[in-house]
Amino acid sequence: MSRIGRLPIKITSDVKVDIDKDIVTITGPLGTLSQNIANDKIQVKVENNEIVLTRLTESKPVKAAHGLYRSLIANMVEGVTKGFQKNLIISGVGFRAVAQGDKVVLNIGYSHTVDIIAPKGIKIEIVSPTELAVKGIDKVLVGQVAANIKASRKPDPYHGYGIRYKDETILRKEGKAAGK
């Protein structure tokens, strides 16, 4: 049996769970999230302030989906109660981020600026000119927006210039050796 899938998901009093055939909707203080569940494979029930997922068959794809759906629903519960955040560091001479209305403008060493517009449900906060915080309730969307920002200027392995996650370590390469 899936070790992750069999764990119940605890829900607090401020979280409302609605199960309608194959759609699980979770509402909390920060917002509402929905997830489509393959109801011919996985059954979702609310028992004693816990969400319990059970498999209907023992085939290999169903076993894989069991843990996946449990993790997705657990992330939804955490998202509507606490939210998610990814921090990005911009490093380089003259590299910085500036807020202009609803978009963030990045000066990251190109001959032009890079404009980032946050999708609905995501907030990009400028902590300092060289640090960004991507916040939201959907873990997948927060991670994807942060990855898109990072992809606009990947970190250089020689100097470390570029955009990286705050907790990421960049492996540095040795530069040229001067006259041997």
Protein backbone atom coordinates (compact mmCIF):
# COMPACT_ATOMS: atom_id res chain seq x y z
CA MET A 1 0.00 0.00 0.00
CA SER A 2 1.18 3.52 -0.73
CA ARG A 3 2.86 4.93 2.36
CA ILE A 4 1.98 8.48 1.37
CA GLY A 5 -1.50 7.71 0.07
CA ARG A 6 -2.71 5.99 3.21
CA LEU A 7 -1.90 8.96 5.49
CA PRO A 8 -5.02 10.98 6.38
CA ILE A 9 -5.01 14.74 5.77
CA LYS A 10 -6.00 16.72 8.86
CA ILE A 11 -8.33 19.65 8.26
CA THR A 12 -8.97 22.51 10.67
CA SER A 13 -12.26 24.18 11.47
CA ASP A 14 -11.64 27.09 9.07
CA VAL A 15 -11.23 24.74 6.06
CA LYS A 16 -14.30 23.58 4.14
CA VAL A 17 -14.08 20.48 1.93
CA ASP A 18 -16.64 19.80 -0.82
CA ILE A 19 -16.53 16.53 -2.79
CA ASP A 20 -18.72 16.49 -5.90
CA LYS A 21 -18.30 13.28 -7.93
CA ASP A 22 -14.75 13.68 -9.28
CA ILE A 23 -13.97 17.27 -8.15
CA VAL A 24 -12.56 18.04 -4.71
CA THR A 25 -12.95 21.72 -3.72
CA ILE A 26 -11.20 23.11 -0.68
CA THR A 27 -12.03 26.55 0.72
CA GLY A 28 -10.01 28.28 3.40
CA PRO A 29 -9.18 31.75 4.72
CA LEU A 30 -6.85 32.53 1.77
CA GLY A 31 -9.03 31.27 -1.09
CA THR A 32 -10.48 28.30 -2.92
CA LEU A 33 -8.75 25.51 -4.88
CA SER A 34 -10.21 22.61 -6.91
CA GLN A 35 -8.71 19.35 -8.11
CA ASN A 36 -10.14 16.78 -10.51
CA ILE A 37 -9.82 13.22 -9.14
CA ALA A 38 -10.14 10.02 -11.17
CA ASN A 39 -13.08 8.65 -9.19
CA ASP A 40 -12.92 5.27 -10.95
CA LYS A 41 -9.51 4.73 -9.31
CA ILE A 42 -9.49 6.69 -6.03
CA GLN A 43 -12.27 7.34 -3.53
CA VAL A 44 -12.13 10.50 -1.36
CA LYS A 45 -14.05 10.76 1.93
CA VAL A 46 -14.13 13.15 4.89
CA GLU A 47 -14.14 11.33 8.25
CA ASN A 48 -13.55 12.86 11.71
CA ASN A 49 -12.03 16.13 10.38
CA GLU A 50 -9.67 14.17 8.12
CA ILE A 51 -9.63 13.56 4.39
CA VAL A 52 -9.04 9.88 3.61
CA LEU A 53 -8.16 8.52 0.16
CA THR A 54 -8.65 4.84 -0.68
CA ARG A 55 -7.83 2.83 -3.80
CA LEU A 56 -10.57 0.95 -5.60
CA THR A 57 -8.21 -1.43 -7.42
CA GLU A 58 -4.65 -2.62 -6.88
CA SER A 59 -3.23 -2.00 -10.37
CA LYS A 60 0.12 -0.23 -10.70
CA PRO A 61 -1.23 3.06 -12.20
CA VAL A 62 -3.84 3.29 -9.43
CA LYS A 63 -1.17 2.76 -6.77
CA ALA A 64 0.87 5.59 -8.30
CA ALA A 65 -2.17 7.89 -8.49
CA HIS A 66 -3.04 7.17 -4.84
CA GLY A 67 0.02 8.95 -3.45
CA LEU A 68 -0.16 11.67 -6.10
CA TYR A 69 -3.74 12.68 -5.34
CA ARG A 70 -3.09 12.59 -1.60
CA SER A 71 -0.13 14.97 -2.03
CA LEU A 72 -2.11 17.28 -4.30
CA ILE A 73 -4.99 17.51 -1.82
CA ALA A 74 -2.59 18.00 1.13
CA ASN A 75 -0.92 20.86 -0.78
CA MET A 76 -4.33 22.40 -1.45
CA VAL A 77 -5.20 22.30 2.27
CA GLU A 78 -1.85 23.88 3.19
CA GLY A 79 -2.22 26.48 0.43
CA VAL A 80 -5.63 27.77 1.51
CA THR A 81 -4.51 28.00 5.16
CA LYS A 82 -0.86 29.19 5.02
CA GLY A 83 0.00 29.79 1.36
CA PHE A 84 3.29 29.12 -0.42
CA GLN A 85 6.32 31.28 -1.09
CA LYS A 86 9.47 30.98 -3.22
CA ASN A 87 12.32 33.45 -2.74
CA LEU A 88 14.65 34.39 -5.59
CA ILE A 89 18.01 36.19 -5.40
CA ILE A 90 19.27 38.36 -8.25
CA SER A 91 23.06 38.59 -8.25
CA GLY A 92 25.25 40.54 -10.64
CA VAL A 93 26.67 44.00 -11.17
CA GLY A 94 23.75 46.35 -11.92
CA PHE A 95 21.16 43.55 -11.75
CA ARG A 96 17.95 44.59 -10.00
CA ALA A 97 14.16 44.33 -9.94
CA VAL A 98 11.73 47.27 -9.95
CA ALA A 99 7.95 47.23 -9.54
CA GLN A 100 6.01 49.20 -12.16
CA GLY A 101 2.28 48.95 -11.55
CA ASP A 102 1.16 45.33 -11.88
CA LYS A 103 4.42 44.09 -13.41
CA VAL A 104 8.00 43.58 -12.29
CA VAL A 105 10.78 44.90 -14.50
CA LEU A 106 14.11 43.05 -14.32
CA ASN A 107 17.43 44.59 -15.34
CA ILE A 108 19.55 41.47 -15.62
CA GLY A 109 22.40 42.28 -17.94
CA TYR A 110 20.65 42.24 -21.30
CA SER A 111 20.39 45.20 -23.66
CA HIS A 112 16.68 45.29 -22.82
CA THR A 113 14.60 44.89 -19.67
CA VAL A 114 12.61 41.75 -18.92
CA ASP A 115 8.99 42.33 -17.88
CA ILE A 116 7.29 39.78 -15.64
CA ILE A 117 3.49 39.92 -15.27
CA ALA A 118 2.12 37.80 -12.44
CA PRO A 119 -0.78 35.50 -13.38
CA LYS A 120 -4.04 35.59 -11.45
CA GLY A 121 -3.60 34.25 -7.91
CA ILE A 122 0.13 35.03 -7.73
CA LYS A 123 1.78 38.02 -6.08
CA ILE A 124 5.39 38.96 -6.84
CA GLU A 125 6.80 40.99 -3.99
CA ILE A 126 10.08 42.90 -4.16
CA VAL A 127 11.80 42.38 -0.79
CA SER A 128 14.88 44.35 -1.86
CA PRO A 129 16.20 45.41 -5.29
CA THR A 130 18.01 42.05 -5.51
CA GLU A 131 15.44 39.76 -3.88
CA LEU A 132 11.98 38.68 -5.04
CA ALA A 133 9.26 36.69 -3.27
CA VAL A 134 6.66 34.80 -5.31
CA LYS A 135 3.56 34.13 -3.18
CA GLY A 136 0.27 32.33 -3.75
CA ILE A 137 -2.04 29.54 -2.62
CA ASP A 138 -1.41 27.11 -5.51
CA LYS A 139 1.94 25.34 -4.97
CA VAL A 140 2.29 24.28 -8.60
CA LEU A 141 1.62 27.79 -9.93
CA VAL A 142 4.00 29.43 -7.42
CA GLY A 143 6.76 27.01 -8.41
CA GLN A 144 6.13 27.50 -12.13
CA VAL A 145 6.19 31.32 -11.94
CA ALA A 146 9.40 31.20 -9.88
CA ALA A 147 10.95 28.81 -12.42
CA ASN A 148 9.96 31.10 -15.30
CA ILE A 149 11.57 34.09 -13.57
CA LYS A 150 14.72 32.06 -12.90
CA ALA A 151 14.82 30.89 -16.54
CA SER A 152 15.04 34.50 -17.73
CA ARG A 153 18.69 34.56 -16.54
CA LYS A 154 20.12 31.26 -15.31
CA PRO A 155 23.07 31.54 -12.88
CA ASP A 156 26.53 31.71 -14.44
CA PRO A 157 28.83 28.95 -13.11
CA TYR A 158 31.94 31.18 -13.17
CA HIS A 159 30.77 34.34 -11.35
CA GLY A 160 27.35 33.29 -10.06
CA TYR A 161 25.57 36.13 -11.93
CA GLY A 162 21.91 35.50 -12.64
CA ILE A 163 18.74 34.57 -10.77
CA ARG A 164 18.70 31.69 -8.29
CA TYR A 165 16.50 30.40 -5.50
CA LYS A 166 17.43 31.68 -2.05
CA ASP A 167 18.23 28.21 -0.71
CA GLU A 168 20.02 27.07 -3.90
CA THR A 169 23.79 26.61 -4.04
CA ILE A 170 25.52 27.29 -7.33
CA LEU A 171 28.51 25.05 -8.08
CA ARG A 172 31.26 27.39 -9.20
CA LYS A 173 33.80 26.51 -11.87
CA GLU A 174 37.40 27.56 -11.77
CA GLY A 175 38.32 30.26 -14.28
CA LYS A 176 41.36 30.34 -16.53
CA ALA A 177 44.69 29.63 -14.91
CA ALA A 178 47.09 32.55 -15.45
CA GLY A 179 50.36 31.71 -17.31
CA LYS A 180 51.86 28.40 -16.25
